[in-house]
């Protein structure tokens, strides 16, 4: 039992050490390296859908601009959950060019939501996009039942 506790302790320490080491890049002298220049500009970082009827998917488009001097490639665009689906071009974005990321939300769950989409580019650079809104329950019928009509049917 003691051996198991020691192995778990060492394993946990190793994970903490690895994750801490990757938090910030440092040079051989031990000083922090400057973060590379951000070469993607997003026209809007967030979109609020407002009220969405339940079960009716909604989409929005985020436009990004390559403000750098060389083409860049979006390595990955990852949603925070399965209810959000991003679609993007895997072709390089030329310097000064614009690209689009279409983000869909399935609107299955009722209530307010906030979801994130992480854009990874140039191997290790990221940009965070956010969608939000509120899904409301759609009535089962187009009009509520009218008790008076039911009464008239019983009389006739």
C-alpha atoms as a PDB file:
ATOM      1  CA  UNK A   1       0.000   0.000   0.000  1.00  0.00           C
ATOM      2  CA  UNK A   2       2.886   2.374   0.809  1.00  0.00           C
ATOM      3  CA  UNK A   3       4.450   1.649  -2.592  1.00  0.00           C
ATOM      4  CA  UNK A   4       1.199   2.536  -4.348  1.00  0.00           C
ATOM      5  CA  UNK A   5       0.957   5.837  -2.449  1.00  0.00           C
ATOM      6  CA  UNK A   6       4.561   6.693  -3.334  1.00  0.00           C
ATOM      7  CA  UNK A   7       4.015   5.882  -7.037  1.00  0.00           C
ATOM      8  CA  UNK A   8       0.858   8.001  -7.136  1.00  0.00           C
ATOM      9  CA  UNK A   9       2.648  10.838  -5.365  1.00  0.00           C
ATOM     10  CA  UNK A  10       5.585  10.731  -7.784  1.00  0.00           C
ATOM     11  CA  UNK A  11       3.257  10.496 -10.773  1.00  0.00           C
ATOM     12  CA  UNK A  12       1.231  13.479  -9.567  1.00  0.00           C
ATOM     13  CA  UNK A  13       4.382  15.501  -8.950  1.00  0.00           C
ATOM     14  CA  UNK A  14       5.649  14.648 -12.426  1.00  0.00           C
ATOM     15  CA  UNK A  15       2.436  15.826 -14.041  1.00  0.00           C
ATOM     16  CA  UNK A  16       2.481  19.059 -12.102  1.00  0.00           C
ATOM     17  CA  UNK A  17       6.084  19.635 -13.058  1.00  0.00           C
ATOM     18  CA  UNK A  18       5.435  18.973 -16.759  1.00  0.00           C
ATOM     19  CA  UNK A  19       2.354  21.167 -16.907  1.00  0.00           C
ATOM     20  CA  UNK A  20       4.146  23.953 -15.028  1.00  0.00           C
ATOM     21  CA  UNK A  21       7.121  23.760 -17.371  1.00  0.00           C
ATOM     22  CA  UNK A  22       4.943  24.263 -20.436  1.00  0.00           C
ATOM     23  CA  UNK A  23       3.174  27.322 -19.024  1.00  0.00           C
ATOM     24  CA  UNK A  24       5.756  29.849 -20.224  1.00  0.00           C
ATOM     25  CA  UNK A  25       8.634  29.630 -22.674  1.00  0.00           C
ATOM     26  CA  UNK A  26      12.056  30.510 -21.264  1.00  0.00           C
ATOM     27  CA  UNK A  27      15.464  30.840 -22.874  1.00  0.00           C
ATOM     28  CA  UNK A  28      18.680  29.119 -21.734  1.00  0.00           C
ATOM     29  CA  UNK A  29      19.384  31.990 -19.322  1.00  0.00           C
ATOM     30  CA  UNK A  30      16.110  31.300 -17.490  1.00  0.00           C
ATOM     31  CA  UNK A  31      14.339  34.527 -18.538  1.00  0.00           C
ATOM     32  CA  UNK A  32      10.919  34.516 -20.165  1.00  0.00           C
ATOM     33  CA  UNK A  33      10.797  34.827 -23.933  1.00  0.00           C
ATOM     34  CA  UNK A  34       8.476  37.448 -25.429  1.00  0.00           C
ATOM     35  CA  UNK A  35       5.233  36.090 -26.846  1.00  0.00           C
ATOM     36  CA  UNK A  36       5.202  36.066 -30.679  1.00  0.00           C
ATOM     37  CA  UNK A  37       3.202  38.832 -32.339  1.00  0.00           C
ATOM     38  CA  UNK A  38      -0.494  38.106 -32.804  1.00  0.00           C
ATOM     39  CA  UNK A  39      -1.117  37.939 -36.556  1.00  0.00           C
ATOM     40  CA  UNK A  40      -4.847  37.217 -36.512  1.00  0.00           C
ATOM     41  CA  UNK A  41      -7.399  39.934 -35.987  1.00  0.00           C
ATOM     42  CA  UNK A  42     -11.007  38.906 -35.381  1.00  0.00           C
ATOM     43  CA  UNK A  43     -13.640  41.456 -36.341  1.00  0.00           C
ATOM     44  CA  UNK A  44     -15.849  40.290 -33.427  1.00  0.00           C
ATOM     45  CA  UNK A  45     -14.672  37.889 -30.697  1.00  0.00           C
ATOM     46  CA  UNK A  46     -18.192  37.044 -29.522  1.00  0.00           C
ATOM     47  CA  UNK A  47     -21.713  36.644 -30.828  1.00  0.00           C
ATOM     48  CA  UNK A  48     -24.993  36.675 -28.901  1.00  0.00           C
ATOM     49  CA  UNK A  49     -27.804  34.799 -30.676  1.00  0.00           C
ATOM     50  CA  UNK A  50     -30.417  36.283 -28.357  1.00  0.00           C
ATOM     51  CA  UNK A  51     -33.439  33.989 -27.938  1.00  0.00           C
ATOM     52  CA  UNK A  52     -33.432  30.784 -30.017  1.00  0.00           C
ATOM     53  CA  UNK A  53     -36.365  28.344 -30.269  1.00  0.00           C
ATOM     54  CA  UNK A  54     -35.466  24.912 -28.880  1.00  0.00           C
ATOM     55  CA  UNK A  55     -34.473  22.380 -31.537  1.00  0.00           C
ATOM     56  CA  UNK A  56     -33.749  24.991 -34.213  1.00  0.00           C
ATOM     57  CA  UNK A  57     -29.988  25.165 -34.894  1.00  0.00           C
ATOM     58  CA  UNK A  58     -28.368  28.592 -35.169  1.00  0.00           C
ATOM     59  CA  UNK A  59     -25.150  29.627 -36.917  1.00  0.00           C
ATOM     60  CA  UNK A  60     -22.907  32.654 -37.004  1.00  0.00           C
ATOM     61  CA  UNK A  61     -19.798  33.540 -38.963  1.00  0.00           C
ATOM     62  CA  UNK A  62     -16.604  34.940 -37.447  1.00  0.00           C
ATOM     63  CA  UNK A  63     -14.333  36.790 -39.881  1.00  0.00           C
ATOM     64  CA  UNK A  64     -10.607  36.731 -39.253  1.00  0.00           C
ATOM     65  CA  UNK A  65      -7.887  38.738 -40.970  1.00  0.00           C
ATOM     66  CA  UNK A  66      -4.227  37.741 -41.349  1.00  0.00           C
ATOM     67  CA  UNK A  67      -2.449  40.948 -40.295  1.00  0.00           C
ATOM     68  CA  UNK A  68       1.007  39.360 -40.652  1.00  0.00           C
ATOM     69  CA  UNK A  69       3.337  39.422 -43.629  1.00  0.00           C
ATOM     70  CA  UNK A  70       3.335  35.676 -44.386  1.00  0.00           C
ATOM     71  CA  UNK A  71       0.521  33.152 -44.952  1.00  0.00           C
ATOM     72  CA  UNK A  72      -0.800  31.378 -41.853  1.00  0.00           C
ATOM     73  CA  UNK A  73      -2.758  28.182 -41.404  1.00  0.00           C
ATOM     74  CA  UNK A  74      -5.437  27.446 -38.857  1.00  0.00           C
ATOM     75  CA  UNK A  75      -4.134  24.271 -37.207  1.00  0.00           C
ATOM     76  CA  UNK A  76      -7.364  23.498 -35.338  1.00  0.00           C
ATOM     77  CA  UNK A  77     -10.660  25.070 -34.361  1.00  0.00           C
ATOM     78  CA  UNK A  78     -12.062  23.307 -31.284  1.00  0.00           C
ATOM     79  CA  UNK A  79     -15.448  23.846 -29.627  1.00  0.00           C
ATOM     80  CA  UNK A  80     -15.873  23.562 -25.855  1.00  0.00           C
ATOM     81  CA  UNK A  81     -18.648  20.951 -26.223  1.00  0.00           C
ATOM     82  CA  UNK A  82     -20.383  18.726 -28.740  1.00  0.00           C
ATOM     83  CA  UNK A  83     -23.370  21.078 -29.075  1.00  0.00           C
ATOM     84  CA  UNK A  84     -21.163  23.590 -30.896  1.00  0.00           C
ATOM     85  CA  UNK A  85     -19.682  22.828 -34.315  1.00  0.00           C
ATOM     86  CA  UNK A  86     -17.056  24.997 -36.035  1.00  0.00           C
ATOM     87  CA  UNK A  87     -16.375  24.767 -39.785  1.00  0.00           C
ATOM     88  CA  UNK A  88     -13.315  26.418 -41.339  1.00  0.00           C
ATOM     89  CA  UNK A  89     -11.070  26.239 -44.395  1.00  0.00           C
ATOM     90  CA  UNK A  90      -7.842  24.287 -44.030  1.00  0.00           C
ATOM     91  CA  UNK A  91      -6.184  26.356 -46.776  1.00  0.00           C
ATOM     92  CA  UNK A  92      -3.505  28.890 -45.776  1.00  0.00           C
ATOM     93  CA  UNK A  93      -4.690  32.466 -45.233  1.00  0.00           C
ATOM     94  CA  UNK A  94      -2.546  34.827 -47.265  1.00  0.00           C
ATOM     95  CA  UNK A  95      -1.127  38.016 -45.704  1.00  0.00           C
ATOM     96  CA  UNK A  96      -3.881  40.639 -45.560  1.00  0.00           C
ATOM     97  CA  UNK A  97      -6.571  38.120 -46.558  1.00  0.00           C
ATOM     98  CA  UNK A  98      -9.801  37.331 -44.735  1.00  0.00           C
ATOM     99  CA  UNK A  99     -11.126  33.894 -43.783  1.00  0.00           C
ATOM    100  CA  UNK A 100     -14.366  32.756 -42.181  1.00  0.00           C
ATOM    101  CA  UNK A 101     -15.137  30.374 -39.342  1.00  0.00           C
ATOM    102  CA  UNK A 102     -18.781  29.283 -39.263  1.00  0.00           C
ATOM    103  CA  UNK A 103     -19.943  28.206 -35.800  1.00  0.00           C
ATOM    104  CA  UNK A 104     -23.180  26.288 -35.356  1.00  0.00           C
ATOM    105  CA  UNK A 105     -25.091  25.681 -32.131  1.00  0.00           C
ATOM    106  CA  UNK A 106     -27.709  22.886 -31.981  1.00  0.00           C
ATOM    107  CA  UNK A 107     -30.067  24.601 -29.450  1.00  0.00           C
ATOM    108  CA  UNK A 108     -31.126  21.287 -27.920  1.00  0.00           C
ATOM    109  CA  UNK A 109     -30.967  22.182 -24.228  1.00  0.00           C
ATOM    110  CA  UNK A 110     -33.354  24.789 -22.840  1.00  0.00           C
ATOM    111  CA  UNK A 111     -31.864  27.772 -20.975  1.00  0.00           C
ATOM    112  CA  UNK A 112     -29.034  30.266 -21.208  1.00  0.00           C
ATOM    113  CA  UNK A 113     -25.727  29.162 -22.723  1.00  0.00           C
ATOM    114  CA  UNK A 114     -22.194  30.433 -23.264  1.00  0.00           C
ATOM    115  CA  UNK A 115     -19.801  28.324 -25.352  1.00  0.00           C
ATOM    116  CA  UNK A 116     -16.235  28.915 -26.473  1.00  0.00           C
ATOM    117  CA  UNK A 117     -14.345  28.037 -29.635  1.00  0.00           C
ATOM    118  CA  UNK A 118     -10.544  27.952 -29.521  1.00  0.00           C
ATOM    119  CA  UNK A 119      -8.683  28.758 -32.730  1.00  0.00           C
ATOM    120  CA  UNK A 120      -5.132  27.343 -32.846  1.00  0.00           C
ATOM    121  CA  UNK A 121      -2.794  28.772 -35.504  1.00  0.00           C
ATOM    122  CA  UNK A 122       0.940  29.001 -36.179  1.00  0.00           C
ATOM    123  CA  UNK A 123       1.425  25.835 -34.115  1.00  0.00           C
ATOM    124  CA  UNK A 124       1.014  27.380 -30.644  1.00  0.00           C
ATOM    125  CA  UNK A 125      -0.931  30.652 -30.938  1.00  0.00           C
ATOM    126  CA  UNK A 126      -4.591  30.728 -29.869  1.00  0.00           C
ATOM    127  CA  UNK A 127      -7.594  32.985 -30.209  1.00  0.00           C
ATOM    128  CA  UNK A 128     -10.802  32.510 -28.215  1.00  0.00           C
ATOM    129  CA  UNK A 129     -14.261  33.053 -29.738  1.00  0.00           C
ATOM    130  CA  UNK A 130     -17.491  33.008 -27.711  1.00  0.00           C
ATOM    131  CA  UNK A 131     -21.142  32.382 -28.567  1.00  0.00           C
ATOM    132  CA  UNK A 132     -24.032  32.903 -26.182  1.00  0.00           C
ATOM    133  CA  UNK A 133     -27.788  33.155 -26.070  1.00  0.00           C
ATOM    134  CA  UNK A 134     -30.891  31.642 -24.552  1.00  0.00           C
ATOM    135  CA  UNK A 135     -32.859  28.657 -25.820  1.00  0.00           C
ATOM    136  CA  UNK A 136     -36.600  28.790 -25.104  1.00  0.00           C
ATOM    137  CA  UNK A 137     -39.088  25.923 -25.175  1.00  0.00           C
ATOM    138  CA  UNK A 138     -41.390  25.954 -28.198  1.00  0.00           C
ATOM    139  CA  UNK A 139     -45.095  25.314 -27.487  1.00  0.00           C
ATOM    140  CA  UNK A 140     -46.327  21.830 -28.480  1.00  0.00           C
ATOM    141  CA  UNK A 141     -49.146  23.292 -30.621  1.00  0.00           C
ATOM    142  CA  UNK A 142     -49.530  26.528 -32.496  1.00  0.00           C
ATOM    143  CA  UNK A 143     -52.376  27.678 -30.252  1.00  0.00           C
ATOM    144  CA  UNK A 144     -53.468  26.775 -26.711  1.00  0.00           C
ATOM    145  CA  UNK A 145     -56.462  24.467 -26.256  1.00  0.00           C
ATOM    146  CA  UNK A 146     -59.759  26.316 -26.171  1.00  0.00           C
ATOM    147  CA  UNK A 147     -62.068  24.821 -23.536  1.00  0.00           C
ATOM    148  CA  UNK A 148     -65.089  26.572 -25.078  1.00  0.00           C
ATOM    149  CA  UNK A 149     -64.690  24.652 -28.329  1.00  0.00           C
ATOM    150  CA  UNK A 150     -64.596  21.364 -26.461  1.00  0.00           C
ATOM    151  CA  UNK A 151     -67.803  22.345 -24.611  1.00  0.00           C
ATOM    152  CA  UNK A 152     -69.594  23.169 -27.905  1.00  0.00           C
ATOM    153  CA  UNK A 153     -68.553  19.777 -29.342  1.00  0.00           C
ATOM    154  CA  UNK A 154     -70.109  18.005 -26.355  1.00  0.00           C
ATOM    155  CA  UNK A 155     -73.422  19.918 -26.680  1.00  0.00           C
ATOM    156  CA  UNK A 156     -73.844  19.238 -30.416  1.00  0.00           C
END
